[in-house]
Amino acid sequence: MVGRVDAWHVILQQLAYLAVVSAALLQMLAEAPDAPARSPRYVALRSAVLHFMLGTLLNIYVIFYFKSSSVLASFAFLTVIVALLLANEWKRLGGLWLKFALLALC
């Protein structure tokens, strides 16, 4: 579990995850459809890392929002975040647009 929301190590971890996710998504966006295909192993690894990091960020935010507010006041927002977390887990749901939407939310 994570500690306080304002702890330096938590903030640095989130920044590192956001930087890696941003770099991976920008690389996916910049790939031309007619470009030679990258190795399947690299594509699978990039996809796994992307889903892991987005899932971790969403998990952290669910924990922080749950700890910091009353459940009734933020129940709708927590429900949306949990739904997006589940959408991220089902890798075939959505496409690049969903990954960018999750990055924007994070």
PDB file of N, CA and C in Angstrom:
ATOM      1  N   MET A   1       0.845  -1.181   0.000  1.00  0.00           N
ATOM      2  CA  MET A   1       0.000   0.000   0.000  1.00  0.00           C
ATOM      3  C   MET A   1       0.886   1.238   0.000  1.00  0.00           C
ATOM      4  N   VAL A   2       0.307   2.300  -0.412  1.00  0.00           N
ATOM      5  CA  VAL A   2       1.032   3.560  -0.432  1.00  0.00           C
ATOM      6  C   VAL A   2       0.808   4.288   0.877  1.00  0.00           C
ATOM      7  N   GLY A   3       1.699   5.188   1.163  1.00  0.00           N
ATOM      8  CA  GLY A   3       1.594   5.966   2.391  1.00  0.00           C
ATOM      9  C   GLY A   3       0.744   7.210   2.180  1.00  0.00           C
ATOM     10  N   ARG A   4       1.291   8.311   2.569  1.00  0.00           N
ATOM     11  CA  ARG A   4       0.579   9.575   2.444  1.00  0.00           C
ATOM     12  C   ARG A   4       0.591  10.040   0.989  1.00  0.00           C
ATOM     13  N   VAL A   5      -0.441  10.788   0.641  1.00  0.00           N
ATOM     14  CA  VAL A   5      -0.567  11.268  -0.730  1.00  0.00           C
ATOM     15  C   VAL A   5       0.520  12.289  -1.068  1.00  0.00           C
ATOM     16  N   ASP A   6       1.046  12.980  -0.063  1.00  0.00           N
ATOM     17  CA  ASP A   6       2.044  14.010  -0.312  1.00  0.00           C
ATOM     18  C   ASP A   6       3.475  13.554  -0.040  1.00  0.00           C
ATOM     19  N   ALA A   7       3.685  12.250   0.120  1.00  0.00           N
ATOM     20  CA  ALA A   7       5.038  11.729   0.328  1.00  0.00           C
ATOM     21  C   ALA A   7       5.830  11.840  -0.975  1.00  0.00           C
ATOM     22  N   TRP A   8       7.095  12.207  -0.861  1.00  0.00           N
ATOM     23  CA  TRP A   8       7.921  12.419  -2.049  1.00  0.00           C
ATOM     24  C   TRP A   8       8.071  11.166  -2.894  1.00  0.00           C
ATOM     25  N   HIS A   9       8.262  10.034  -2.253  1.00  0.00           N
ATOM     26  CA  HIS A   9       8.461   8.799  -3.027  1.00  0.00           C
ATOM     27  C   HIS A   9       7.192   8.434  -3.799  1.00  0.00           C
ATOM     28  N   VAL A  10       6.027   8.744  -3.256  1.00  0.00           N
ATOM     29  CA  VAL A  10       4.776   8.458  -3.960  1.00  0.00           C
ATOM     30  C   VAL A  10       4.628   9.388  -5.164  1.00  0.00           C
ATOM     31  N   ILE A  11       4.947  10.646  -4.972  1.00  0.00           N
ATOM     32  CA  ILE A  11       4.859  11.622  -6.066  1.00  0.00           C
ATOM     33  C   ILE A  11       5.856  11.283  -7.169  1.00  0.00           C
ATOM     34  N   LEU A  12       7.082  10.925  -6.790  1.00  0.00           N
ATOM     35  CA  LEU A  12       8.090  10.573  -7.797  1.00  0.00           C
ATOM     36  C   LEU A  12       7.710   9.299  -8.549  1.00  0.00           C
ATOM     37  N   GLN A  13       7.120   8.335  -7.842  1.00  0.00           N
ATOM     38  CA  GLN A  13       6.675   7.117  -8.514  1.00  0.00           C
ATOM     39  C   GLN A  13       5.584   7.446  -9.535  1.00  0.00           C
ATOM     40  N   GLN A  14       4.640   8.289  -9.163  1.00  0.00           N
ATOM     41  CA  GLN A  14       3.575   8.661 -10.087  1.00  0.00           C
ATOM     42  C   GLN A  14       4.134   9.408 -11.297  1.00  0.00           C
ATOM     43  N   LEU A  15       5.080  10.317 -11.063  1.00  0.00           N
ATOM     44  CA  LEU A  15       5.696  11.038 -12.184  1.00  0.00           C
ATOM     45  C   LEU A  15       6.437  10.099 -13.122  1.00  0.00           C
ATOM     46  N   ALA A  16       7.155   9.135 -12.556  1.00  0.00           N
ATOM     47  CA  ALA A  16       7.880   8.174 -13.395  1.00  0.00           C
ATOM     48  C   ALA A  16       6.908   7.332 -14.210  1.00  0.00           C
ATOM     49  N   TYR A  17       5.845   6.854 -13.583  1.00  0.00           N
ATOM     50  CA  TYR A  17       4.852   6.062 -14.300  1.00  0.00           C
ATOM     51  C   TYR A  17       4.190   6.883 -15.399  1.00  0.00           C
ATOM     52  N   LEU A  18       3.838   8.136 -15.095  1.00  0.00           N
ATOM     53  CA  LEU A  18       3.209   8.989 -16.105  1.00  0.00           C
ATOM     54  C   LEU A  18       4.160   9.269 -17.266  1.00  0.00           C
ATOM     55  N   ALA A  19       5.448   9.429 -16.984  1.00  0.00           N
ATOM     56  CA  ALA A  19       6.422   9.660 -18.056  1.00  0.00           C
ATOM     57  C   ALA A  19       6.556   8.437 -18.956  1.00  0.00           C
ATOM     58  N   VAL A  20       6.616   7.241 -18.375  1.00  0.00           N
ATOM     59  CA  VAL A  20       6.749   6.025 -19.173  1.00  0.00           C
ATOM     60  C   VAL A  20       5.484   5.787 -20.000  1.00  0.00           C
ATOM     61  N   VAL A  21       4.314   5.986 -19.388  1.00  0.00           N
ATOM     62  CA  VAL A  21       3.055   5.803 -20.115  1.00  0.00           C
ATOM     63  C   VAL A  21       2.954   6.815 -21.257  1.00  0.00           C
ATOM     64  N   SER A  22       3.325   8.060 -20.998  1.00  0.00           N
ATOM     65  CA  SER A  22       3.281   9.087 -22.047  1.00  0.00           C
ATOM     66  C   SER A  22       4.209   8.739 -23.200  1.00  0.00           C
ATOM     67  N   ALA A  23       5.422   8.303 -22.878  1.00  0.00           N
ATOM     68  CA  ALA A  23       6.376   7.934 -23.927  1.00  0.00           C
ATOM     69  C   ALA A  23       5.867   6.763 -24.754  1.00  0.00           C
ATOM     70  N   ALA A  24       5.317   5.758 -24.102  1.00  0.00           N
ATOM     71  CA  ALA A  24       4.815   4.588 -24.828  1.00  0.00           C
ATOM     72  C   ALA A  24       3.626   4.951 -25.713  1.00  0.00           C
ATOM     73  N   LEU A  25       2.715   5.775 -25.197  1.00  0.00           N
ATOM     74  CA  LEU A  25       1.546   6.158 -25.998  1.00  0.00           C
ATOM     75  C   LEU A  25       1.939   7.050 -27.167  1.00  0.00           C
ATOM     76  N   LEU A  26       2.877   7.961 -26.944  1.00  0.00           N
ATOM     77  CA  LEU A  26       3.326   8.802 -28.059  1.00  0.00           C
ATOM     78  C   LEU A  26       4.039   7.976 -29.122  1.00  0.00           C
ATOM     79  N   GLN A  27       4.776   6.965 -28.705  1.00  0.00           N
ATOM     80  CA  GLN A  27       5.420   6.080 -29.674  1.00  0.00           C
ATOM     81  C   GLN A  27       4.371   5.301 -30.461  1.00  0.00           C
ATOM     82  N   MET A  28       3.329   4.835 -29.785  1.00  0.00           N
ATOM     83  CA  MET A  28       2.260   4.105 -30.477  1.00  0.00           C
ATOM     84  C   MET A  28       1.523   5.016 -31.444  1.00  0.00           C
ATOM     85  N   LEU A  29       1.330   6.268 -31.054  1.00  0.00           N
ATOM     86  CA  LEU A  29       0.636   7.218 -31.906  1.00  0.00           C
ATOM     87  C   LEU A  29       1.476   7.586 -33.130  1.00  0.00           C
ATOM     88  N   ALA A  30       2.781   7.672 -32.941  1.00  0.00           N
ATOM     89  CA  ALA A  30       3.669   8.088 -34.031  1.00  0.00           C
ATOM     90  C   ALA A  30       3.950   6.982 -35.039  1.00  0.00           C
ATOM     91  N   GLU A  31       3.665   5.740 -34.678  1.00  0.00           N
ATOM     92  CA  GLU A  31       3.920   4.642 -35.604  1.00  0.00           C
ATOM     93  C   GLU A  31       3.007   4.753 -36.807  1.00  0.00           C
ATOM     94  N   ALA A  32       3.605   4.755 -37.953  1.00  0.00           N
ATOM     95  CA  ALA A  32       2.827   4.819 -39.193  1.00  0.00           C
ATOM     96  C   ALA A  32       2.235   3.448 -39.484  1.00  0.00           C
ATOM     97  N   PRO A  33       1.010   3.433 -40.048  1.00  0.00           N
ATOM     98  CA  PRO A  33       0.390   2.134 -40.334  1.00  0.00           C
ATOM     99  C   PRO A  33       1.158   1.318 -41.367  1.00  0.00           C
ATOM    100  N   ASP A  34       1.888   1.979 -42.256  1.00  0.00           N
ATOM    101  CA  ASP A  34       2.613   1.252 -43.294  1.00  0.00           C
ATOM    102  C   ASP A  34       4.086   1.022 -42.932  1.00  0.00           C
ATOM    103  N   ALA A  35       4.455   1.377 -41.716  1.00  0.00           N
ATOM    104  CA  ALA A  35       5.839   1.177 -41.279  1.00  0.00           C
ATOM    105  C   ALA A  35       6.092  -0.311 -41.048  1.00  0.00           C
ATOM    106  N   PRO A  36       7.352  -0.713 -41.145  1.00  0.00           N
ATOM    107  CA  PRO A  36       7.659  -2.119 -40.873  1.00  0.00           C
ATOM    108  C   PRO A  36       7.292  -2.459 -39.427  1.00  0.00           C
ATOM    109  N   ALA A  37       6.754  -3.625 -39.248  1.00  0.00           N
ATOM    110  CA  ALA A  37       6.271  -4.035 -37.932  1.00  0.00           C
ATOM    111  C   ALA A  37       7.437  -4.243 -36.970  1.00  0.00           C
ATOM    112  N   ARG A  38       7.216  -3.833 -35.744  1.00  0.00           N
ATOM    113  CA  ARG A  38       8.207  -4.090 -34.699  1.00  0.00           C
ATOM    114  C   ARG A  38       8.099  -5.555 -34.298  1.00  0.00           C
ATOM    115  N   SER A  39       9.068  -5.989 -33.548  1.00  0.00           N
ATOM    116  CA  SER A  39       9.038  -7.394 -33.132  1.00  0.00           C
ATOM    117  C   SER A  39       7.817  -7.635 -32.242  1.00  0.00           C
ATOM    118  N   PRO A  40       7.177  -8.770 -32.397  1.00  0.00           N
ATOM    119  CA  PRO A  40       5.996  -9.073 -31.582  1.00  0.00           C
ATOM    120  C   PRO A  40       6.304  -9.099 -30.084  1.00  0.00           C
ATOM    121  N   ARG A  41       7.514  -9.489 -29.746  1.00  0.00           N
ATOM    122  CA  ARG A  41       7.899  -9.521 -28.333  1.00  0.00           C
ATOM    123  C   ARG A  41       7.931  -8.115 -27.744  1.00  0.00           C
ATOM    124  N   TYR A  42       8.468  -7.148 -28.515  1.00  0.00           N
ATOM    125  CA  TYR A  42       8.519  -5.764 -28.050  1.00  0.00           C
ATOM    126  C   TYR A  42       7.110  -5.188 -27.912  1.00  0.00           C
ATOM    127  N   VAL A  43       6.254  -5.449 -28.872  1.00  0.00           N
ATOM    128  CA  VAL A  43       4.883  -4.938 -28.831  1.00  0.00           C
ATOM    129  C   VAL A  43       4.137  -5.511 -27.635  1.00  0.00           C
ATOM    130  N   ALA A  44       4.313  -6.795 -27.365  1.00  0.00           N
ATOM    131  CA  ALA A  44       3.651  -7.421 -26.224  1.00  0.00           C
ATOM    132  C   ALA A  44       4.185  -6.855 -24.906  1.00  0.00           C
ATOM    133  N   LEU A  45       5.488  -6.649 -24.827  1.00  0.00           N
ATOM    134  CA  LEU A  45       6.082  -6.094 -23.617  1.00  0.00           C
ATOM    135  C   LEU A  45       5.613  -4.651 -23.394  1.00  0.00           C
ATOM    136  N   ARG A  46       5.585  -3.860 -24.442  1.00  0.00           N
ATOM    137  CA  ARG A  46       5.130  -2.472 -24.331  1.00  0.00           C
ATOM    138  C   ARG A  46       3.676  -2.423 -23.883  1.00  0.00           C
ATOM    139  N   SER A  47       2.858  -3.278 -24.427  1.00  0.00           N
ATOM    140  CA  SER A  47       1.456  -3.325 -24.043  1.00  0.00           C
ATOM    141  C   SER A  47       1.292  -3.740 -22.587  1.00  0.00           C
ATOM    142  N   ALA A  48       2.049  -4.731 -22.163  1.00  0.00           N
ATOM    143  CA  ALA A  48       1.963  -5.188 -20.771  1.00  0.00           C
ATOM    144  C   ALA A  48       2.417  -4.108 -19.799  1.00  0.00           C
ATOM    145  N   VAL A  49       3.504  -3.432 -20.117  1.00  0.00           N
ATOM    146  CA  VAL A  49       4.005  -2.355 -19.261  1.00  0.00           C
ATOM    147  C   VAL A  49       3.003  -1.213 -19.201  1.00  0.00           C
ATOM    148  N   LEU A  50       2.410  -0.874 -20.337  1.00  0.00           N
ATOM    149  CA  LEU A  50       1.429   0.206 -20.396  1.00  0.00           C
ATOM    150  C   LEU A  50       0.210  -0.114 -19.529  1.00  0.00           C
ATOM    151  N   HIS A  51      -0.324  -1.313 -19.644  1.00  0.00           N
ATOM    152  CA  HIS A  51      -1.485  -1.701 -18.854  1.00  0.00           C
ATOM    153  C   HIS A  51      -1.149  -1.797 -17.366  1.00  0.00           C
ATOM    154  N   PHE A  52       0.038  -2.302 -17.045  1.00  0.00           N
ATOM    155  CA  PHE A  52       0.440  -2.394 -15.654  1.00  0.00           C
ATOM    156  C   PHE A  52       0.541  -1.015 -15.018  1.00  0.00           C
ATOM    157  N   MET A  53       1.191  -0.094 -15.701  1.00  0.00           N
ATOM    158  CA  MET A  53       1.396   1.229 -15.122  1.00  0.00           C
ATOM    159  C   MET A  53       0.096   2.028 -15.029  1.00  0.00           C
ATOM    160  N   LEU A  54      -0.757   1.939 -16.042  1.00  0.00           N
ATOM    161  CA  LEU A  54      -2.049   2.621 -15.949  1.00  0.00           C
ATOM    162  C   LEU A  54      -2.902   2.009 -14.843  1.00  0.00           C
ATOM    163  N   GLY A  55      -2.876   0.707 -14.715  1.00  0.00           N
ATOM    164  CA  GLY A  55      -3.625   0.045 -13.650  1.00  0.00           C
ATOM    165  C   GLY A  55      -3.119   0.430 -12.270  1.00  0.00           C
ATOM    166  N   THR A  56      -1.799   0.518 -12.121  1.00  0.00           N
ATOM    167  CA  THR A  56      -1.232   0.922 -10.841  1.00  0.00           C
ATOM    168  C   THR A  56      -1.618   2.347 -10.489  1.00  0.00           C
ATOM    169  N   LEU A  57      -1.557   3.243 -11.455  1.00  0.00           N
ATOM    170  CA  LEU A  57      -1.954   4.629 -11.198  1.00  0.00           C
ATOM    171  C   LEU A  57      -3.419   4.722 -10.805  1.00  0.00           C
ATOM    172  N   LEU A  58      -4.272   4.016 -11.512  1.00  0.00           N
ATOM    173  CA  LEU A  58      -5.694   4.052 -11.173  1.00  0.00           C
ATOM    174  C   LEU A  58      -5.955   3.435  -9.801  1.00  0.00           C
ATOM    175  N   ASN A  59      -5.229   2.370  -9.460  1.00  0.00           N
ATOM    176  CA  ASN A  59      -5.367   1.780  -8.123  1.00  0.00           C
ATOM    177  C   ASN A  59      -4.973   2.770  -7.032  1.00  0.00           C
ATOM    178  N   ILE A  60      -3.870   3.472  -7.248  1.00  0.00           N
ATOM    179  CA  ILE A  60      -3.423   4.461  -6.272  1.00  0.00           C
ATOM    180  C   ILE A  60      -4.474   5.549  -6.097  1.00  0.00           C
ATOM    181  N   TYR A  61      -5.066   5.999  -7.192  1.00  0.00           N
ATOM    182  CA  TYR A  61      -6.049   7.080  -7.098  1.00  0.00           C
ATOM    183  C   TYR A  61      -7.329   6.618  -6.421  1.00  0.00           C
ATOM    184  N   VAL A  62      -7.728   5.381  -6.651  1.00  0.00           N
ATOM    185  CA  VAL A  62      -8.904   4.852  -5.948  1.00  0.00           C
ATOM    186  C   VAL A  62      -8.631   4.826  -4.440  1.00  0.00           C
ATOM    187  N   ILE A  63      -7.450   4.360  -4.057  1.00  0.00           N
ATOM    188  CA  ILE A  63      -7.101   4.321  -2.635  1.00  0.00           C
ATOM    189  C   ILE A  63      -7.069   5.725  -2.042  1.00  0.00           C
ATOM    190  N   PHE A  64      -6.434   6.673  -2.738  1.00  0.00           N
ATOM    191  CA  PHE A  64      -6.342   8.033  -2.220  1.00  0.00           C
ATOM    192  C   PHE A  64      -7.714   8.681  -2.094  1.00  0.00           C
ATOM    193  N   TYR A  65      -8.556   8.537  -3.105  1.00  0.00           N
ATOM    194  CA  TYR A  65      -9.885   9.142  -3.038  1.00  0.00           C
ATOM    195  C   TYR A  65     -10.745   8.476  -1.972  1.00  0.00           C
ATOM    196  N   PHE A  66     -10.582   7.183  -1.817  1.00  0.00           N
ATOM    197  CA  PHE A  66     -11.364   6.475  -0.804  1.00  0.00           C
ATOM    198  C   PHE A  66     -10.947   6.900   0.603  1.00  0.00           C
ATOM    199  N   LYS A  67      -9.648   7.070   0.824  1.00  0.00           N
ATOM    200  CA  LYS A  67      -9.153   7.461   2.131  1.00  0.00           C
ATOM    201  C   LYS A  67      -9.431   8.926   2.458  1.00  0.00           C
ATOM    202  N   SER A  68      -9.497   9.778   1.461  1.00  0.00           N
ATOM    203  CA  SER A  68      -9.549  11.211   1.725  1.00  0.00           C
ATOM    204  C   SER A  68     -10.944  11.814   1.722  1.00  0.00           C
ATOM    205  N   SER A  69     -11.949  11.087   1.316  1.00  0.00           N
ATOM    206  CA  SER A  69     -13.278  11.693   1.263  1.00  0.00           C
ATOM    207  C   SER A  69     -14.312  10.718   1.800  1.00  0.00           C
ATOM    208  N   SER A  70     -15.477  11.276   2.052  1.00  0.00           N
ATOM    209  CA  SER A  70     -16.558  10.391   2.475  1.00  0.00           C
ATOM    210  C   SER A  70     -17.033   9.600   1.263  1.00  0.00           C
ATOM    211  N   VAL A  71     -17.374   8.378   1.481  1.00  0.00           N
ATOM    212  CA  VAL A  71     -17.714   7.484   0.379  1.00  0.00           C
ATOM    213  C   VAL A  71     -18.978   7.959  -0.344  1.00  0.00           C
ATOM    214  N   LEU A  72     -19.944   8.457   0.388  1.00  0.00           N
ATOM    215  CA  LEU A  72     -21.193   8.875  -0.247  1.00  0.00           C
ATOM    216  C   LEU A  72     -21.000  10.081  -1.160  1.00  0.00           C
ATOM    217  N   ALA A  73     -20.131  11.001  -0.756  1.00  0.00           N
ATOM    218  CA  ALA A  73     -19.937  12.206  -1.560  1.00  0.00           C
ATOM    219  C   ALA A  73     -19.211  11.910  -2.863  1.00  0.00           C
ATOM    220  N   SER A  74     -18.319  10.942  -2.837  1.00  0.00           N
ATOM    221  CA  SER A  74     -17.522  10.668  -4.035  1.00  0.00           C
ATOM    222  C   SER A  74     -17.818   9.305  -4.643  1.00  0.00           C
ATOM    223  N   PHE A  75     -18.932   8.706  -4.297  1.00  0.00           N
ATOM    224  CA  PHE A  75     -19.240   7.357  -4.772  1.00  0.00           C
ATOM    225  C   PHE A  75     -19.327   7.294  -6.300  1.00  0.00           C
ATOM    226  N   ALA A  76     -19.933   8.294  -6.911  1.00  0.00           N
ATOM    227  CA  ALA A  76     -20.059   8.287  -8.376  1.00  0.00           C
ATOM    228  C   ALA A  76     -18.684   8.371  -9.040  1.00  0.00           C
ATOM    229  N   PHE A  77     -17.818   9.250  -8.534  1.00  0.00           N
ATOM    230  CA  PHE A  77     -16.491   9.399  -9.123  1.00  0.00           C
ATOM    231  C   PHE A  77     -15.662   8.139  -8.904  1.00  0.00           C
ATOM    232  N   LEU A  78     -15.740   7.546  -7.726  1.00  0.00           N
ATOM    233  CA  LEU A  78     -15.027   6.299  -7.471  1.00  0.00           C
ATOM    234  C   LEU A  78     -15.536   5.181  -8.367  1.00  0.00           C
ATOM    235  N   THR A  79     -16.828   5.157  -8.627  1.00  0.00           N
ATOM    236  CA  THR A  79     -17.394   4.153  -9.516  1.00  0.00           C
ATOM    237  C   THR A  79     -16.839   4.303 -10.929  1.00  0.00           C
ATOM    238  N   VAL A  80     -16.711   5.534 -11.395  1.00  0.00           N
ATOM    239  CA  VAL A  80     -16.145   5.785 -12.731  1.00  0.00           C
ATOM    240  C   VAL A  80     -14.690   5.335 -12.779  1.00  0.00           C
ATOM    241  N   ILE A  81     -13.918   5.652 -11.752  1.00  0.00           N
ATOM    242  CA  ILE A  81     -12.506   5.257 -11.744  1.00  0.00           C
ATOM    243  C   ILE A  81     -12.374   3.730 -11.711  1.00  0.00           C
ATOM    244  N   VAL A  82     -13.193   3.070 -10.914  1.00  0.00           N
ATOM    245  CA  VAL A  82     -13.140   1.605 -10.859  1.00  0.00           C
ATOM    246  C   VAL A  82     -13.555   1.008 -12.201  1.00  0.00           C
ATOM    247  N   ALA A  83     -14.556   1.592 -12.854  1.00  0.00           N
ATOM    248  CA  ALA A  83     -14.972   1.106 -14.175  1.00  0.00           C
ATOM    249  C   ALA A  83     -13.837   1.274 -15.192  1.00  0.00           C
ATOM    250  N   LEU A  84     -13.133   2.392 -15.135  1.00  0.00           N
ATOM    251  CA  LEU A  84     -12.002   2.591 -16.036  1.00  0.00           C
ATOM    252  C   LEU A  84     -10.856   1.641 -15.702  1.00  0.00           C
ATOM    253  N   LEU A  85     -10.680   1.350 -14.432  1.00  0.00           N
ATOM    254  CA  LEU A  85      -9.668   0.382 -14.027  1.00  0.00           C
ATOM    255  C   LEU A  85      -9.978  -0.992 -14.611  1.00  0.00           C
ATOM    256  N   LEU A  86     -11.238  -1.381 -14.557  1.00  0.00           N
ATOM    257  CA  LEU A  86     -11.640  -2.666 -15.147  1.00  0.00           C
ATOM    258  C   LEU A  86     -11.504  -2.646 -16.669  1.00  0.00           C
ATOM    259  N   ALA A  87     -11.828  -1.510 -17.288  1.00  0.00           N
ATOM    260  CA  ALA A  87     -11.669  -1.393 -18.748  1.00  0.00           C
ATOM    261  C   ALA A  87     -10.206  -1.534 -19.131  1.00  0.00           C
ATOM    262  N   ASN A  88      -9.312  -1.018 -18.310  1.00  0.00           N
ATOM    263  CA  ASN A  88      -7.889  -1.164 -18.575  1.00  0.00           C
ATOM    264  C   ASN A  88      -7.463  -2.624 -18.445  1.00  0.00           C
ATOM    265  N   GLU A  89      -8.065  -3.349 -17.515  1.00  0.00           N
ATOM    266  CA  GLU A  89      -7.716  -4.755 -17.330  1.00  0.00           C
ATOM    267  C   GLU A  89      -8.140  -5.611 -18.518  1.00  0.00           C
ATOM    268  N   TRP A  90      -9.256  -5.286 -19.119  1.00  0.00           N
ATOM    269  CA  TRP A  90      -9.685  -5.994 -20.327  1.00  0.00           C
ATOM    270  C   TRP A  90      -8.999  -5.315 -21.499  1.00  0.00           C
ATOM    271  N   LYS A  91      -7.847  -5.811 -21.871  1.00  0.00           N
ATOM    272  CA  LYS A  91      -6.954  -5.135 -22.806  1.00  0.00           C
ATOM    273  C   LYS A  91      -7.563  -4.922 -24.190  1.00  0.00           C
ATOM    274  N   ARG A  92      -8.509  -5.738 -24.553  1.00  0.00           N
ATOM    275  CA  ARG A  92      -9.075  -5.616 -25.892  1.00  0.00           C
ATOM    276  C   ARG A  92     -10.150  -4.540 -25.966  1.00  0.00           C
ATOM    277  N   LEU A  93     -10.607  -4.073 -24.816  1.00  0.00           N
ATOM    278  CA  LEU A  93     -11.642  -3.046 -24.791  1.00  0.00           C
ATOM    279  C   LEU A  93     -11.018  -1.701 -25.145  1.00  0.00           C
ATOM    280  N   GLY A  94     -11.627  -0.997 -26.061  1.00  0.00           N
ATOM    281  CA  GLY A  94     -11.117   0.319 -26.449  1.00  0.00           C
ATOM    282  C   GLY A  94      -9.880   0.182 -27.301  1.00  0.00           C
ATOM    283  N   GLY A  95      -9.277   1.271 -27.557  1.00  0.00           N
ATOM    284  CA  GLY A  95      -8.070   1.274 -28.351  1.00  0.00           C
ATOM    285  C   GLY A  95      -7.131   2.328 -27.816  1.00  0.00           C
ATOM    286  N   LEU A  96      -6.459   2.973 -28.721  1.00  0.00           N
ATOM    287  CA  LEU A  96      -5.514   4.008 -28.341  1.00  0.00           C
ATOM    288  C   LEU A  96      -6.224   5.180 -27.682  1.00  0.00           C
ATOM    289  N   TRP A  97      -7.453   5.453 -28.114  1.00  0.00           N
ATOM    290  CA  TRP A  97      -8.210   6.574 -27.534  1.00  0.00           C
ATOM    291  C   TRP A  97      -8.490   6.337 -26.057  1.00  0.00           C
ATOM    292  N   LEU A  98      -8.767   5.088 -25.653  1.00  0.00           N
ATOM    293  CA  LEU A  98      -9.027   4.793 -24.249  1.00  0.00           C
ATOM    294  C   LEU A  98      -7.757   4.970 -23.424  1.00  0.00           C
ATOM    295  N   LYS A  99      -6.625   4.564 -23.969  1.00  0.00           N
ATOM    296  CA  LYS A  99      -5.364   4.712 -23.239  1.00  0.00           C
ATOM    297  C   LYS A  99      -5.021   6.187 -23.035  1.00  0.00           C
ATOM    298  N   PHE A 100      -5.265   7.021 -24.053  1.00  0.00           N
ATOM    299  CA  PHE A 100      -5.024   8.448 -23.895  1.00  0.00           C
ATOM    300  C   PHE A 100      -6.015   9.069 -22.911  1.00  0.00           C
ATOM    301  N   ALA A 101      -7.236   8.585 -22.891  1.00  0.00           N
ATOM    302  CA  ALA A 101      -8.227   9.088 -21.927  1.00  0.00           C
ATOM    303  C   ALA A 101      -7.808   8.722 -20.501  1.00  0.00           C
ATOM    304  N   LEU A 102      -7.299   7.509 -20.305  1.00  0.00           N
ATOM    305  CA  LEU A 102      -6.820   7.122 -18.989  1.00  0.00           C
ATOM    306  C   LEU A 102      -5.599   7.945 -18.574  1.00  0.00           C
ATOM    307  N   LEU A 103      -4.711   8.221 -19.518  1.00  0.00           N
ATOM    308  CA  LEU A 103      -3.560   9.072 -19.220  1.00  0.00           C
ATOM    309  C   LEU A 103      -4.026  10.469 -18.830  1.00  0.00           C
ATOM    310  N   ALA A 104      -4.991  11.003 -19.537  1.00  0.00           N
ATOM    311  CA  ALA A 104      -5.501  12.345 -19.202  1.00  0.00           C
ATOM    312  C   ALA A 104      -6.148  12.356 -17.822  1.00  0.00           C
ATOM    313  N   LEU A 105      -6.853  11.304 -17.478  1.00  0.00           N
ATOM    314  CA  LEU A 105      -7.457  11.229 -16.150  1.00  0.00           C
ATOM    315  C   LEU A 105      -6.383  11.139 -15.072  1.00  0.00           C
ATOM    316  N   CYS A 106      -5.351  10.359 -15.333  1.00  0.00           N
ATOM    317  CA  CYS A 106      -4.283  10.219 -14.333  1.00  0.00           C
ATOM    318  C   CYS A 106      -3.490  11.510 -14.204  1.00  0.00           C
TER     319      CYS A 106
END
